[in-house]
């Protein structure tokens, strides 16, 4: 998520912050429809609802199929069956949580934070 847009990697979609405008033909059709079918209200609302935004995001990788979550669940189940401990998953989860909390704190305090030494594992 950033100033230019949002990447949703699990969905393989890119959503731009400033949605692309309607094409010229869509604008022309909209103008014609509003001119032909427009009702002039008397004593009511004087606005016409805009065409709904139908932005569904753009595909990032055309031939991509997400199975990441399933692969992680299968690996986790394998650890449990074998009586093992998913050290790397635990480590990644820990750091993701700590960095998320630090990022929230940095935004709340409007300052740059670094990972304190005592939080490193």
PDB file of N, CA and C in Angstrom:
ATOM      1  N   UNK A   1       0.852  -1.163   0.000  1.00  0.00           N
ATOM      2  CA  UNK A   1       0.000   0.000   0.000  1.00  0.00           C
ATOM      3  C   UNK A   1       0.901   1.229   0.000  1.00  0.00           C
ATOM      4  N   UNK A   2       0.641   2.130  -0.918  1.00  0.00           N
ATOM      5  CA  UNK A   2       1.476   3.313  -1.005  1.00  0.00           C
ATOM      6  C   UNK A   2       0.749   4.439  -1.707  1.00  0.00           C
ATOM      7  N   UNK A   3       1.453   5.540  -1.966  1.00  0.00           N
ATOM      8  CA  UNK A   3       0.806   6.714  -2.562  1.00  0.00           C
ATOM      9  C   UNK A   3       0.338   6.488  -4.000  1.00  0.00           C
ATOM     10  N   UNK A   4       0.921   5.506  -4.694  1.00  0.00           N
ATOM     11  CA  UNK A   4       0.530   5.245  -6.077  1.00  0.00           C
ATOM     12  C   UNK A   4      -0.578   4.223  -6.216  1.00  0.00           C
ATOM     13  N   UNK A   5      -0.742   3.392  -5.196  1.00  0.00           N
ATOM     14  CA  UNK A   5      -1.770   2.362  -5.269  1.00  0.00           C
ATOM     15  C   UNK A   5      -1.528   1.260  -4.262  1.00  0.00           C
ATOM     16  N   UNK A   6      -2.257   0.172  -4.438  1.00  0.00           N
ATOM     17  CA  UNK A   6      -2.187  -0.957  -3.520  1.00  0.00           C
ATOM     18  C   UNK A   6      -1.994  -2.248  -4.303  1.00  0.00           C
ATOM     19  N   UNK A   7      -1.057  -3.057  -3.852  1.00  0.00           N
ATOM     20  CA  UNK A   7      -0.845  -4.382  -4.423  1.00  0.00           C
ATOM     21  C   UNK A   7      -1.522  -5.398  -3.517  1.00  0.00           C
ATOM     22  N   UNK A   8      -2.369  -6.221  -4.075  1.00  0.00           N
ATOM     23  CA  UNK A   8      -2.956  -7.325  -3.334  1.00  0.00           C
ATOM     24  C   UNK A   8      -2.414  -8.590  -3.969  1.00  0.00           C
ATOM     25  N   UNK A   9      -1.292  -9.071  -3.414  1.00  0.00           N
ATOM     26  CA  UNK A   9      -0.568 -10.171  -4.036  1.00  0.00           C
ATOM     27  C   UNK A   9      -1.357 -11.471  -4.020  1.00  0.00           C
ATOM     28  N   UNK A  10      -2.137 -11.724  -2.978  1.00  0.00           N
ATOM     29  CA  UNK A  10      -2.925 -12.960  -2.947  1.00  0.00           C
ATOM     30  C   UNK A  10      -3.986 -12.968  -4.039  1.00  0.00           C
ATOM     31  N   UNK A  11      -4.447 -11.774  -4.433  1.00  0.00           N
ATOM     32  CA  UNK A  11      -5.442 -11.672  -5.497  1.00  0.00           C
ATOM     33  C   UNK A  11      -4.810 -11.403  -6.850  1.00  0.00           C
ATOM     34  N   UNK A  12      -3.473 -11.150  -6.842  1.00  0.00           N
ATOM     35  CA  UNK A  12      -2.748 -10.842  -8.077  1.00  0.00           C
ATOM     36  C   UNK A  12      -3.321  -9.589  -8.740  1.00  0.00           C
ATOM     37  N   UNK A  13      -3.605  -8.572  -7.935  1.00  0.00           N
ATOM     38  CA  UNK A  13      -4.213  -7.350  -8.453  1.00  0.00           C
ATOM     39  C   UNK A  13      -3.458  -6.114  -7.989  1.00  0.00           C
ATOM     40  N   UNK A  14      -3.457  -5.118  -8.861  1.00  0.00           N
ATOM     41  CA  UNK A  14      -2.910  -3.804  -8.563  1.00  0.00           C
ATOM     42  C   UNK A  14      -4.052  -2.807  -8.661  1.00  0.00           C
ATOM     43  N   UNK A  15      -4.273  -2.063  -7.584  1.00  0.00           N
ATOM     44  CA  UNK A  15      -5.317  -1.036  -7.561  1.00  0.00           C
ATOM     45  C   UNK A  15      -4.618   0.318  -7.454  1.00  0.00           C
ATOM     46  N   UNK A  16      -4.766   1.144  -8.483  1.00  0.00           N
ATOM     47  CA  UNK A  16      -4.147   2.462  -8.476  1.00  0.00           C
ATOM     48  C   UNK A  16      -4.872   3.379  -7.505  1.00  0.00           C
ATOM     49  N   UNK A  17      -4.126   4.266  -6.865  1.00  0.00           N
ATOM     50  CA  UNK A  17      -4.715   5.212  -5.921  1.00  0.00           C
ATOM     51  C   UNK A  17      -5.689   6.142  -6.644  1.00  0.00           C
ATOM     52  N   UNK A  18      -5.279   6.628  -7.788  1.00  0.00           N
ATOM     53  CA  UNK A  18      -6.163   7.459  -8.613  1.00  0.00           C
ATOM     54  C   UNK A  18      -6.693   6.561  -9.719  1.00  0.00           C
ATOM     55  N   UNK A  19      -7.945   6.174  -9.562  1.00  0.00           N
ATOM     56  CA  UNK A  19      -8.534   5.262 -10.543  1.00  0.00           C
ATOM     57  C   UNK A  19      -8.513   5.904 -11.921  1.00  0.00           C
ATOM     58  N   UNK A  20      -8.285   5.085 -12.926  1.00  0.00           N
ATOM     59  CA  UNK A  20      -8.286   5.585 -14.292  1.00  0.00           C
ATOM     60  C   UNK A  20      -9.694   6.055 -14.635  1.00  0.00           C
ATOM     61  N   UNK A  21      -9.776   7.139 -15.337  1.00  0.00           N
ATOM     62  CA  UNK A  21     -11.074   7.678 -15.726  1.00  0.00           C
ATOM     63  C   UNK A  21     -11.743   6.829 -16.790  1.00  0.00           C
ATOM     64  N   UNK A  22     -12.992   7.091 -16.998  1.00  0.00           N
ATOM     65  CA  UNK A  22     -13.739   6.362 -18.021  1.00  0.00           C
ATOM     66  C   UNK A  22     -13.161   6.699 -19.387  1.00  0.00           C
ATOM     67  N   UNK A  23     -13.308   5.765 -20.307  1.00  0.00           N
ATOM     68  CA  UNK A  23     -12.809   5.996 -21.654  1.00  0.00           C
ATOM     69  C   UNK A  23     -13.670   7.071 -22.330  1.00  0.00           C
ATOM     70  N   UNK A  24     -13.183   7.606 -23.408  1.00  0.00           N
ATOM     71  CA  UNK A  24     -13.900   8.672 -24.127  1.00  0.00           C
ATOM     72  C   UNK A  24     -15.276   8.190 -24.583  1.00  0.00           C
ATOM     73  N   UNK A  25     -15.359   6.941 -25.039  1.00  0.00           N
ATOM     74  CA  UNK A  25     -16.655   6.441 -25.517  1.00  0.00           C
ATOM     75  C   UNK A  25     -17.624   6.274 -24.344  1.00  0.00           C
ATOM     76  N   UNK A  26     -17.113   5.828 -23.175  1.00  0.00           N
ATOM     77  CA  UNK A  26     -17.977   5.703 -21.998  1.00  0.00           C
ATOM     78  C   UNK A  26     -18.504   7.073 -21.556  1.00  0.00           C
ATOM     79  N   UNK A  27     -17.644   8.089 -21.619  1.00  0.00           N
ATOM     80  CA  UNK A  27     -18.074   9.448 -21.262  1.00  0.00           C
ATOM     81  C   UNK A  27     -19.134   9.951 -22.238  1.00  0.00           C
ATOM     82  N   UNK A  28     -18.915   9.695 -23.529  1.00  0.00           N
ATOM     83  CA  UNK A  28     -19.873  10.125 -24.545  1.00  0.00           C
ATOM     84  C   UNK A  28     -21.231   9.464 -24.316  1.00  0.00           C
ATOM     85  N   UNK A  29     -21.213   8.152 -24.089  1.00  0.00           N
ATOM     86  CA  UNK A  29     -22.476   7.425 -23.840  1.00  0.00           C
ATOM     87  C   UNK A  29     -23.157   7.962 -22.593  1.00  0.00           C
ATOM     88  N   UNK A  30     -22.388   8.201 -21.546  1.00  0.00           N
ATOM     89  CA  UNK A  30     -22.945   8.731 -20.303  1.00  0.00           C
ATOM     90  C   UNK A  30     -23.571  10.104 -20.529  1.00  0.00           C
ATOM     91  N   UNK A  31     -22.882  10.968 -21.283  1.00  0.00           N
ATOM     92  CA  UNK A  31     -23.415  12.301 -21.571  1.00  0.00           C
ATOM     93  C   UNK A  31     -24.710  12.214 -22.371  1.00  0.00           C
ATOM     94  N   UNK A  32     -24.740  11.326 -23.361  1.00  0.00           N
ATOM     95  CA  UNK A  32     -25.948  11.169 -24.182  1.00  0.00           C
ATOM     96  C   UNK A  32     -27.103  10.660 -23.330  1.00  0.00           C
ATOM     97  N   UNK A  33     -26.833   9.630 -22.508  1.00  0.00           N
ATOM     98  CA  UNK A  33     -27.888   9.076 -21.656  1.00  0.00           C
ATOM     99  C   UNK A  33     -28.418  10.127 -20.682  1.00  0.00           C
ATOM    100  N   UNK A  34     -27.509  10.901 -20.098  1.00  0.00           N
ATOM    101  CA  UNK A  34     -27.960  11.925 -19.146  1.00  0.00           C
ATOM    102  C   UNK A  34     -28.762  13.012 -19.841  1.00  0.00           C
ATOM    103  N   UNK A  35     -28.422  13.339 -21.081  1.00  0.00           N
ATOM    104  CA  UNK A  35     -29.157  14.366 -21.813  1.00  0.00           C
ATOM    105  C   UNK A  35     -30.519  13.861 -22.263  1.00  0.00           C
ATOM    106  N   UNK A  36     -30.582  12.612 -22.704  1.00  0.00           N
ATOM    107  CA  UNK A  36     -31.832  12.066 -23.224  1.00  0.00           C
ATOM    108  C   UNK A  36     -32.799  11.697 -22.117  1.00  0.00           C
ATOM    109  N   UNK A  37     -32.291  11.052 -21.058  1.00  0.00           N
ATOM    110  CA  UNK A  37     -33.175  10.516 -20.031  1.00  0.00           C
ATOM    111  C   UNK A  37     -33.217  11.369 -18.760  1.00  0.00           C
ATOM    112  N   UNK A  38     -32.599  12.504 -18.796  1.00  0.00           N
ATOM    113  CA  UNK A  38     -32.539  13.355 -17.611  1.00  0.00           C
ATOM    114  C   UNK A  38     -33.920  13.899 -17.253  1.00  0.00           C
ATOM    115  N   UNK A  39     -34.203  13.918 -15.977  1.00  0.00           N
ATOM    116  CA  UNK A  39     -35.452  14.486 -15.477  1.00  0.00           C
ATOM    117  C   UNK A  39     -35.080  15.760 -14.733  1.00  0.00           C
ATOM    118  N   UNK A  40     -35.809  16.802 -14.987  1.00  0.00           N
ATOM    119  CA  UNK A  40     -35.554  18.049 -14.282  1.00  0.00           C
ATOM    120  C   UNK A  40     -36.417  18.049 -13.023  1.00  0.00           C
ATOM    121  N   UNK A  41     -35.783  17.902 -11.868  1.00  0.00           N
ATOM    122  CA  UNK A  41     -36.564  17.843 -10.640  1.00  0.00           C
ATOM    123  C   UNK A  41     -37.057  19.229 -10.232  1.00  0.00           C
ATOM    124  N   UNK A  42     -38.235  19.263  -9.680  1.00  0.00           N
ATOM    125  CA  UNK A  42     -38.779  20.505  -9.133  1.00  0.00           C
ATOM    126  C   UNK A  42     -39.010  20.254  -7.656  1.00  0.00           C
ATOM    127  N   UNK A  43     -38.267  20.962  -6.842  1.00  0.00           N
ATOM    128  CA  UNK A  43     -38.401  20.801  -5.402  1.00  0.00           C
ATOM    129  C   UNK A  43     -37.732  19.550  -4.873  1.00  0.00           C
ATOM    130  N   UNK A  44     -36.839  18.964  -5.648  1.00  0.00           N
ATOM    131  CA  UNK A  44     -36.142  17.754  -5.202  1.00  0.00           C
ATOM    132  C   UNK A  44     -34.652  17.893  -5.411  1.00  0.00           C
ATOM    133  N   UNK A  45     -33.972  16.771  -5.380  1.00  0.00           N
ATOM    134  CA  UNK A  45     -32.518  16.774  -5.579  1.00  0.00           C
ATOM    135  C   UNK A  45     -32.188  17.254  -6.985  1.00  0.00           C
ATOM    136  N   UNK A  46     -31.121  17.991  -7.108  1.00  0.00           N
ATOM    137  CA  UNK A  46     -30.749  18.526  -8.415  1.00  0.00           C
ATOM    138  C   UNK A  46     -29.471  17.900  -8.953  1.00  0.00           C
ATOM    139  N   UNK A  47     -29.049  16.809  -8.371  1.00  0.00           N
ATOM    140  CA  UNK A  47     -27.821  16.170  -8.828  1.00  0.00           C
ATOM    141  C   UNK A  47     -28.139  14.868  -9.536  1.00  0.00           C
ATOM    142  N   UNK A  48     -27.222  14.453 -10.364  1.00  0.00           N
ATOM    143  CA  UNK A  48     -27.332  13.181 -11.078  1.00  0.00           C
ATOM    144  C   UNK A  48     -26.201  12.290 -10.574  1.00  0.00           C
ATOM    145  N   UNK A  49     -26.507  11.095 -10.091  1.00  0.00           N
ATOM    146  CA  UNK A  49     -25.436  10.216  -9.594  1.00  0.00           C
ATOM    147  C   UNK A  49     -24.420   9.915 -10.686  1.00  0.00           C
ATOM    148  N   UNK A  50     -23.148   9.928 -10.308  1.00  0.00           N
ATOM    149  CA  UNK A  50     -22.092   9.610 -11.270  1.00  0.00           C
ATOM    150  C   UNK A  50     -22.084   8.115 -11.550  1.00  0.00           C
ATOM    151  N   UNK A  51     -21.496   7.777 -12.660  1.00  0.00           N
ATOM    152  CA  UNK A  51     -21.364   6.366 -13.006  1.00  0.00           C
ATOM    153  C   UNK A  51     -20.515   5.689 -11.939  1.00  0.00           C
ATOM    154  N   UNK A  52     -20.967   4.550 -11.450  1.00  0.00           N
ATOM    155  CA  UNK A  52     -20.256   3.839 -10.382  1.00  0.00           C
ATOM    156  C   UNK A  52     -18.864   3.420 -10.843  1.00  0.00           C
ATOM    157  N   UNK A  53     -17.921   3.500  -9.919  1.00  0.00           N
ATOM    158  CA  UNK A  53     -16.551   3.079 -10.217  1.00  0.00           C
ATOM    159  C   UNK A  53     -16.522   1.552 -10.289  1.00  0.00           C
ATOM    160  N   UNK A  54     -16.095   1.027 -11.409  1.00  0.00           N
ATOM    161  CA  UNK A  54     -16.060  -0.413 -11.595  1.00  0.00           C
ATOM    162  C   UNK A  54     -14.621  -0.919 -11.612  1.00  0.00           C
ATOM    163  N   UNK A  55     -13.735  -0.217 -10.900  1.00  0.00           N
ATOM    164  CA  UNK A  55     -12.329  -0.605 -10.889  1.00  0.00           C
ATOM    165  C   UNK A  55     -12.170  -1.956 -10.199  1.00  0.00           C
ATOM    166  N   UNK A  56     -11.676  -2.902 -10.934  1.00  0.00           N
ATOM    167  CA  UNK A  56     -11.464  -4.239 -10.384  1.00  0.00           C
ATOM    168  C   UNK A  56      -9.971  -4.530 -10.252  1.00  0.00           C
ATOM    169  N   UNK A  57      -9.176  -3.527 -10.437  1.00  0.00           N
ATOM    170  CA  UNK A  57      -7.738  -3.712 -10.351  1.00  0.00           C
ATOM    171  C   UNK A  57      -7.176  -4.326 -11.618  1.00  0.00           C
ATOM    172  N   UNK A  58      -5.879  -4.204 -11.756  1.00  0.00           N
ATOM    173  CA  UNK A  58      -5.203  -4.770 -12.921  1.00  0.00           C
ATOM    174  C   UNK A  58      -4.437  -6.010 -12.507  1.00  0.00           C
ATOM    175  N   UNK A  59      -4.381  -6.980 -13.396  1.00  0.00           N
ATOM    176  CA  UNK A  59      -3.638  -8.211 -13.148  1.00  0.00           C
ATOM    177  C   UNK A  59      -2.149  -7.881 -13.119  1.00  0.00           C
ATOM    178  N   UNK A  60      -1.450  -8.400 -12.122  1.00  0.00           N
ATOM    179  CA  UNK A  60      -0.014  -8.150 -12.009  1.00  0.00           C
ATOM    180  C   UNK A  60       0.760  -9.142 -12.877  1.00  0.00           C
ATOM    181  N   UNK A  61       0.510 -10.443 -12.668  1.00  0.00           N
ATOM    182  CA  UNK A  61       1.167 -11.501 -13.434  1.00  0.00           C
ATOM    183  C   UNK A  61       0.094 -12.291 -14.174  1.00  0.00           C
ATOM    184  N   UNK A  62       0.064 -12.236 -15.500  1.00  0.00           N
ATOM    185  CA  UNK A  62      -1.013 -12.853 -16.274  1.00  0.00           C
ATOM    186  C   UNK A  62      -1.229 -14.349 -16.038  1.00  0.00           C
ATOM    187  N   UNK A  63      -0.171 -15.135 -15.902  1.00  0.00           N
ATOM    188  CA  UNK A  63      -0.341 -16.588 -15.767  1.00  0.00           C
ATOM    189  C   UNK A  63      -0.126 -17.077 -14.345  1.00  0.00           C
ATOM    190  N   UNK A  64      -0.375 -16.240 -13.379  1.00  0.00           N
ATOM    191  CA  UNK A  64      -0.112 -16.535 -11.981  1.00  0.00           C
ATOM    192  C   UNK A  64      -1.316 -17.187 -11.332  1.00  0.00           C
ATOM    193  N   UNK A  65      -1.048 -18.184 -10.512  1.00  0.00           N
ATOM    194  CA  UNK A  65      -2.116 -18.836  -9.751  1.00  0.00           C
ATOM    195  C   UNK A  65      -1.646 -18.931  -8.304  1.00  0.00           C
ATOM    196  N   UNK A  66      -2.383 -18.329  -7.389  1.00  0.00           N
ATOM    197  CA  UNK A  66      -1.968 -18.284  -5.993  1.00  0.00           C
ATOM    198  C   UNK A  66      -2.329 -19.562  -5.259  1.00  0.00           C
ATOM    199  N   UNK A  67      -1.306 -20.209  -4.749  1.00  0.00           N
ATOM    200  CA  UNK A  67      -1.528 -21.357  -3.880  1.00  0.00           C
ATOM    201  C   UNK A  67      -0.651 -21.215  -2.642  1.00  0.00           C
ATOM    202  N   UNK A  68      -0.168 -20.015  -2.392  1.00  0.00           N
ATOM    203  CA  UNK A  68       0.745 -19.757  -1.286  1.00  0.00           C
ATOM    204  C   UNK A  68       0.137 -20.140   0.056  1.00  0.00           C
ATOM    205  N   UNK A  69      -1.092 -19.740   0.296  1.00  0.00           N
ATOM    206  CA  UNK A  69      -1.729 -20.043   1.579  1.00  0.00           C
ATOM    207  C   UNK A  69      -1.859 -21.547   1.763  1.00  0.00           C
ATOM    208  N   UNK A  70      -2.267 -22.245   0.719  1.00  0.00           N
ATOM    209  CA  UNK A  70      -2.407 -23.701   0.810  1.00  0.00           C
ATOM    210  C   UNK A  70      -1.058 -24.355   1.087  1.00  0.00           C
ATOM    211  N   UNK A  71      -0.003 -23.880   0.421  1.00  0.00           N
ATOM    212  CA  UNK A  71       1.322 -24.448   0.655  1.00  0.00           C
ATOM    213  C   UNK A  71       1.762 -24.252   2.104  1.00  0.00           C
ATOM    214  N   UNK A  72       1.466 -23.092   2.674  1.00  0.00           N
ATOM    215  CA  UNK A  72       1.829 -22.837   4.062  1.00  0.00           C
ATOM    216  C   UNK A  72       1.035 -23.724   5.015  1.00  0.00           C
ATOM    217  N   UNK A  73      -0.245 -23.923   4.729  1.00  0.00           N
ATOM    218  CA  UNK A  73      -1.058 -24.790   5.584  1.00  0.00           C
ATOM    219  C   UNK A  73      -0.588 -26.238   5.514  1.00  0.00           C
ATOM    220  N   UNK A  74      -0.242 -26.705   4.330  1.00  0.00           N
ATOM    221  CA  UNK A  74       0.262 -28.075   4.172  1.00  0.00           C
ATOM    222  C   UNK A  74       1.574 -28.237   4.939  1.00  0.00           C
ATOM    223  N   UNK A  75       2.463 -27.270   4.824  1.00  0.00           N
ATOM    224  CA  UNK A  75       3.741 -27.336   5.541  1.00  0.00           C
ATOM    225  C   UNK A  75       3.518 -27.325   7.049  1.00  0.00           C
ATOM    226  N   UNK A  76       2.608 -26.494   7.526  1.00  0.00           N
ATOM    227  CA  UNK A  76       2.322 -26.422   8.960  1.00  0.00           C
ATOM    228  C   UNK A  76       1.758 -27.751   9.458  1.00  0.00           C
ATOM    229  N   UNK A  77       0.814 -28.331   8.692  1.00  0.00           N
ATOM    230  CA  UNK A  77       0.240 -29.629   9.069  1.00  0.00           C
ATOM    231  C   UNK A  77       1.334 -30.695   9.103  1.00  0.00           C
ATOM    232  N   UNK A  78       2.284 -30.614   8.176  1.00  0.00           N
ATOM    233  CA  UNK A  78       3.402 -31.554   8.165  1.00  0.00           C
ATOM    234  C   UNK A  78       4.237 -31.451   9.429  1.00  0.00           C
ATOM    235  N   UNK A  79       4.495 -30.244   9.888  1.00  0.00           N
ATOM    236  CA  UNK A  79       5.240 -30.053  11.138  1.00  0.00           C
ATOM    237  C   UNK A  79       4.506 -30.711  12.305  1.00  0.00           C
ATOM    238  N   UNK A  80       3.201 -30.502  12.371  1.00  0.00           N
ATOM    239  CA  UNK A  80       2.419 -31.047  13.477  1.00  0.00           C
ATOM    240  C   UNK A  80       2.434 -32.579  13.434  1.00  0.00           C
ATOM    241  N   UNK A  81       2.249 -33.147  12.262  1.00  0.00           N
ATOM    242  CA  UNK A  81       2.237 -34.610  12.125  1.00  0.00           C
ATOM    243  C   UNK A  81       3.575 -35.228  12.532  1.00  0.00           C
ATOM    244  N   UNK A  82       4.654 -34.547  12.194  1.00  0.00           N
ATOM    245  CA  UNK A  82       5.989 -35.080  12.479  1.00  0.00           C
ATOM    246  C   UNK A  82       6.490 -34.694  13.863  1.00  0.00           C
ATOM    247  N   UNK A  83       5.688 -33.922  14.597  1.00  0.00           N
ATOM    248  CA  UNK A  83       6.097 -33.521  15.936  1.00  0.00           C
ATOM    249  C   UNK A  83       7.185 -32.467  15.931  1.00  0.00           C
ATOM    250  N   UNK A  84       7.339 -31.775  14.828  1.00  0.00           N
ATOM    251  CA  UNK A  84       8.374 -30.751  14.712  1.00  0.00           C
ATOM    252  C   UNK A  84       7.865 -29.372  15.130  1.00  0.00           C
ATOM    253  N   UNK A  85       8.728 -28.413  14.961  1.00  0.00           N
ATOM    254  CA  UNK A  85       8.405 -27.037  15.320  1.00  0.00           C
ATOM    255  C   UNK A  85       8.723 -26.139  14.125  1.00  0.00           C
ATOM    256  N   UNK A  86       7.730 -25.392  13.636  1.00  0.00           N
ATOM    257  CA  UNK A  86       7.959 -24.541  12.450  1.00  0.00           C
ATOM    258  C   UNK A  86       8.722 -23.269  12.803  1.00  0.00           C
ATOM    259  N   UNK A  87      10.040 -23.401  13.001  1.00  0.00           N
ATOM    260  CA  UNK A  87      10.846 -22.273  13.468  1.00  0.00           C
ATOM    261  C   UNK A  87      10.774 -21.061  12.532  1.00  0.00           C
ATOM    262  N   UNK A  88      10.904 -21.297  11.231  1.00  0.00           N
ATOM    263  CA  UNK A  88      10.920 -20.157  10.303  1.00  0.00           C
ATOM    264  C   UNK A  88       9.562 -19.460  10.262  1.00  0.00           C
ATOM    265  N   UNK A  89       8.468 -20.226  10.285  1.00  0.00           N
ATOM    266  CA  UNK A  89       7.136 -19.617  10.314  1.00  0.00           C
ATOM    267  C   UNK A  89       6.969 -18.771  11.571  1.00  0.00           C
ATOM    268  N   UNK A  90       7.423 -19.305  12.685  1.00  0.00           N
ATOM    269  CA  UNK A  90       7.308 -18.590  13.964  1.00  0.00           C
ATOM    270  C   UNK A  90       8.131 -17.302  13.917  1.00  0.00           C
ATOM    271  N   UNK A  91       9.314 -17.408  13.369  1.00  0.00           N
ATOM    272  CA  UNK A  91      10.203 -16.236  13.262  1.00  0.00           C
ATOM    273  C   UNK A  91       9.579 -15.169  12.350  1.00  0.00           C
ATOM    274  N   UNK A  92       9.057 -15.588  11.189  1.00  0.00           N
ATOM    275  CA  UNK A  92       8.437 -14.642  10.260  1.00  0.00           C
ATOM    276  C   UNK A  92       7.204 -13.989  10.887  1.00  0.00           C
ATOM    277  N   UNK A  93       6.417 -14.777  11.589  1.00  0.00           N
ATOM    278  CA  UNK A  93       5.211 -14.245  12.233  1.00  0.00           C
ATOM    279  C   UNK A  93       5.588 -13.235  13.307  1.00  0.00           C
ATOM    280  N   UNK A  94       6.603 -13.572  14.088  1.00  0.00           N
ATOM    281  CA  UNK A  94       7.058 -12.665  15.137  1.00  0.00           C
ATOM    282  C   UNK A  94       7.488 -11.319  14.545  1.00  0.00           C
ATOM    283  N   UNK A  95       8.357 -11.370  13.541  1.00  0.00           N
ATOM    284  CA  UNK A  95       8.848 -10.122  12.955  1.00  0.00           C
ATOM    285  C   UNK A  95       7.744  -9.340  12.234  1.00  0.00           C
ATOM    286  N   UNK A  96       6.837 -10.027  11.581  1.00  0.00           N
ATOM    287  CA  UNK A  96       5.723  -9.332  10.930  1.00  0.00           C
ATOM    288  C   UNK A  96       4.885  -8.589  11.963  1.00  0.00           C
ATOM    289  N   UNK A  97       4.658  -9.217  13.109  1.00  0.00           N
ATOM    290  CA  UNK A  97       3.873  -8.589  14.172  1.00  0.00           C
ATOM    291  C   UNK A  97       4.608  -7.393  14.762  1.00  0.00           C
ATOM    292  N   UNK A  98       5.889  -7.581  15.085  1.00  0.00           N
ATOM    293  CA  UNK A  98       6.674  -6.492  15.685  1.00  0.00           C
ATOM    294  C   UNK A  98       6.761  -5.301  14.730  1.00  0.00           C
ATOM    295  N   UNK A  99       7.056  -5.559  13.447  1.00  0.00           N
ATOM    296  CA  UNK A  99       7.170  -4.449  12.484  1.00  0.00           C
ATOM    297  C   UNK A  99       5.828  -3.758  12.269  1.00  0.00           C
ATOM    298  N   UNK A 100       4.739  -4.515  12.303  1.00  0.00           N
ATOM    299  CA  UNK A 100       3.409  -3.891  12.158  1.00  0.00           C
ATOM    300  C   UNK A 100       3.127  -2.957  13.324  1.00  0.00           C
ATOM    301  N   UNK A 101       3.442  -3.419  14.532  1.00  0.00           N
ATOM    302  CA  UNK A 101       3.213  -2.574  15.718  1.00  0.00           C
ATOM    303  C   UNK A 101       4.121  -1.339  15.699  1.00  0.00           C
ATOM    304  N   UNK A 102       5.374  -1.522  15.281  1.00  0.00           N
ATOM    305  CA  UNK A 102       6.283  -0.375  15.184  1.00  0.00           C
ATOM    306  C   UNK A 102       5.826   0.612  14.117  1.00  0.00           C
ATOM    307  N   UNK A 103       5.324   0.103  12.999  1.00  0.00           N
ATOM    308  CA  UNK A 103       4.828   0.982  11.932  1.00  0.00           C
ATOM    309  C   UNK A 103       3.638   1.792  12.423  1.00  0.00           C
ATOM    310  N   UNK A 104       2.740   1.144  13.157  1.00  0.00           N
ATOM    311  CA  UNK A 104       1.585   1.863  13.696  1.00  0.00           C
ATOM    312  C   UNK A 104       2.032   2.934  14.688  1.00  0.00           C
ATOM    313  N   UNK A 105       2.983   2.589  15.545  1.00  0.00           N
ATOM    314  CA  UNK A 105       3.515   3.557  16.511  1.00  0.00           C
ATOM    315  C   UNK A 105       4.187   4.720  15.784  1.00  0.00           C
ATOM    316  N   UNK A 106       4.953   4.430  14.749  1.00  0.00           N
ATOM    317  CA  UNK A 106       5.636   5.484  13.992  1.00  0.00           C
ATOM    318  C   UNK A 106       4.631   6.436  13.356  1.00  0.00           C
ATOM    319  N   UNK A 107       3.539   5.893  12.830  1.00  0.00           N
ATOM    320  CA  UNK A 107       2.508   6.759  12.230  1.00  0.00           C
ATOM    321  C   UNK A 107       1.819   7.597  13.298  1.00  0.00           C
ATOM    322  N   UNK A 108       1.515   6.974  14.440  1.00  0.00           N
ATOM    323  CA  UNK A 108       0.846   7.708  15.521  1.00  0.00           C
ATOM    324  C   UNK A 108       1.713   8.842  16.051  1.00  0.00           C
ATOM    325  N   UNK A 109       3.015   8.585  16.155  1.00  0.00           N
ATOM    326  CA  UNK A 109       3.941   9.581  16.710  1.00  0.00           C
ATOM    327  C   UNK A 109       4.603  10.434  15.632  1.00  0.00           C
ATOM    328  N   UNK A 110       4.312  10.150  14.373  1.00  0.00           N
ATOM    329  CA  UNK A 110       4.870  10.895  13.243  1.00  0.00           C
ATOM    330  C   UNK A 110       6.401  10.982  13.321  1.00  0.00           C
ATOM    331  N   UNK A 111       7.030   9.814  13.492  1.00  0.00           N
ATOM    332  CA  UNK A 111       8.498   9.766  13.548  1.00  0.00           C
ATOM    333  C   UNK A 111       8.990   8.433  13.013  1.00  0.00           C
ATOM    334  N   UNK A 112      10.274   8.367  12.733  1.00  0.00           N
ATOM    335  CA  UNK A 112      10.896   7.147  12.221  1.00  0.00           C
ATOM    336  C   UNK A 112      11.350   6.295  13.403  1.00  0.00           C
ATOM    337  N   UNK A 113      11.001   5.021  13.357  1.00  0.00           N
ATOM    338  CA  UNK A 113      11.419   4.092  14.401  1.00  0.00           C
ATOM    339  C   UNK A 113      12.272   2.989  13.788  1.00  0.00           C
ATOM    340  N   UNK A 114      13.154   2.435  14.593  1.00  0.00           N
ATOM    341  CA  UNK A 114      13.937   1.279  14.180  1.00  0.00           C
ATOM    342  C   UNK A 114      13.649   0.148  15.158  1.00  0.00           C
ATOM    343  N   UNK A 115      14.001  -1.045  14.767  1.00  0.00           N
ATOM    344  CA  UNK A 115      13.775  -2.204  15.611  1.00  0.00           C
ATOM    345  C   UNK A 115      14.769  -2.188  16.772  1.00  0.00           C
ATOM    346  N   UNK A 116      14.260  -2.084  17.995  1.00  0.00           N
ATOM    347  CA  UNK A 116      15.165  -2.085  19.152  1.00  0.00           C
ATOM    348  C   UNK A 116      15.937  -3.413  19.236  1.00  0.00           C
ATOM    349  N   UNK A 117      17.143  -3.337  19.706  1.00  0.00           N
ATOM    350  CA  UNK A 117      18.023  -4.515  19.792  1.00  0.00           C
ATOM    351  C   UNK A 117      17.385  -5.629  20.619  1.00  0.00           C
ATOM    352  N   UNK A 118      16.682  -5.278  21.681  1.00  0.00           N
ATOM    353  CA  UNK A 118      16.114  -6.311  22.548  1.00  0.00           C
ATOM    354  C   UNK A 118      14.950  -7.070  21.893  1.00  0.00           C
ATOM    355  N   UNK A 119      14.432  -6.551  20.757  1.00  0.00           N
ATOM    356  CA  UNK A 119      13.342  -7.231  20.053  1.00  0.00           C
ATOM    357  C   UNK A 119      13.847  -8.215  18.990  1.00  0.00           C
ATOM    358  N   UNK A 120      15.140  -8.169  18.731  1.00  0.00           N
ATOM    359  CA  UNK A 120      15.703  -9.044  17.699  1.00  0.00           C
ATOM    360  C   UNK A 120      15.876 -10.472  18.244  1.00  0.00           C
ATOM    361  N   UNK A 121      15.503 -11.436  17.402  1.00  0.00           N
ATOM    362  CA  UNK A 121      15.689 -12.842  17.821  1.00  0.00           C
ATOM    363  C   UNK A 121      16.599 -13.539  16.825  1.00  0.00           C
TER     364      UNK A 121
END
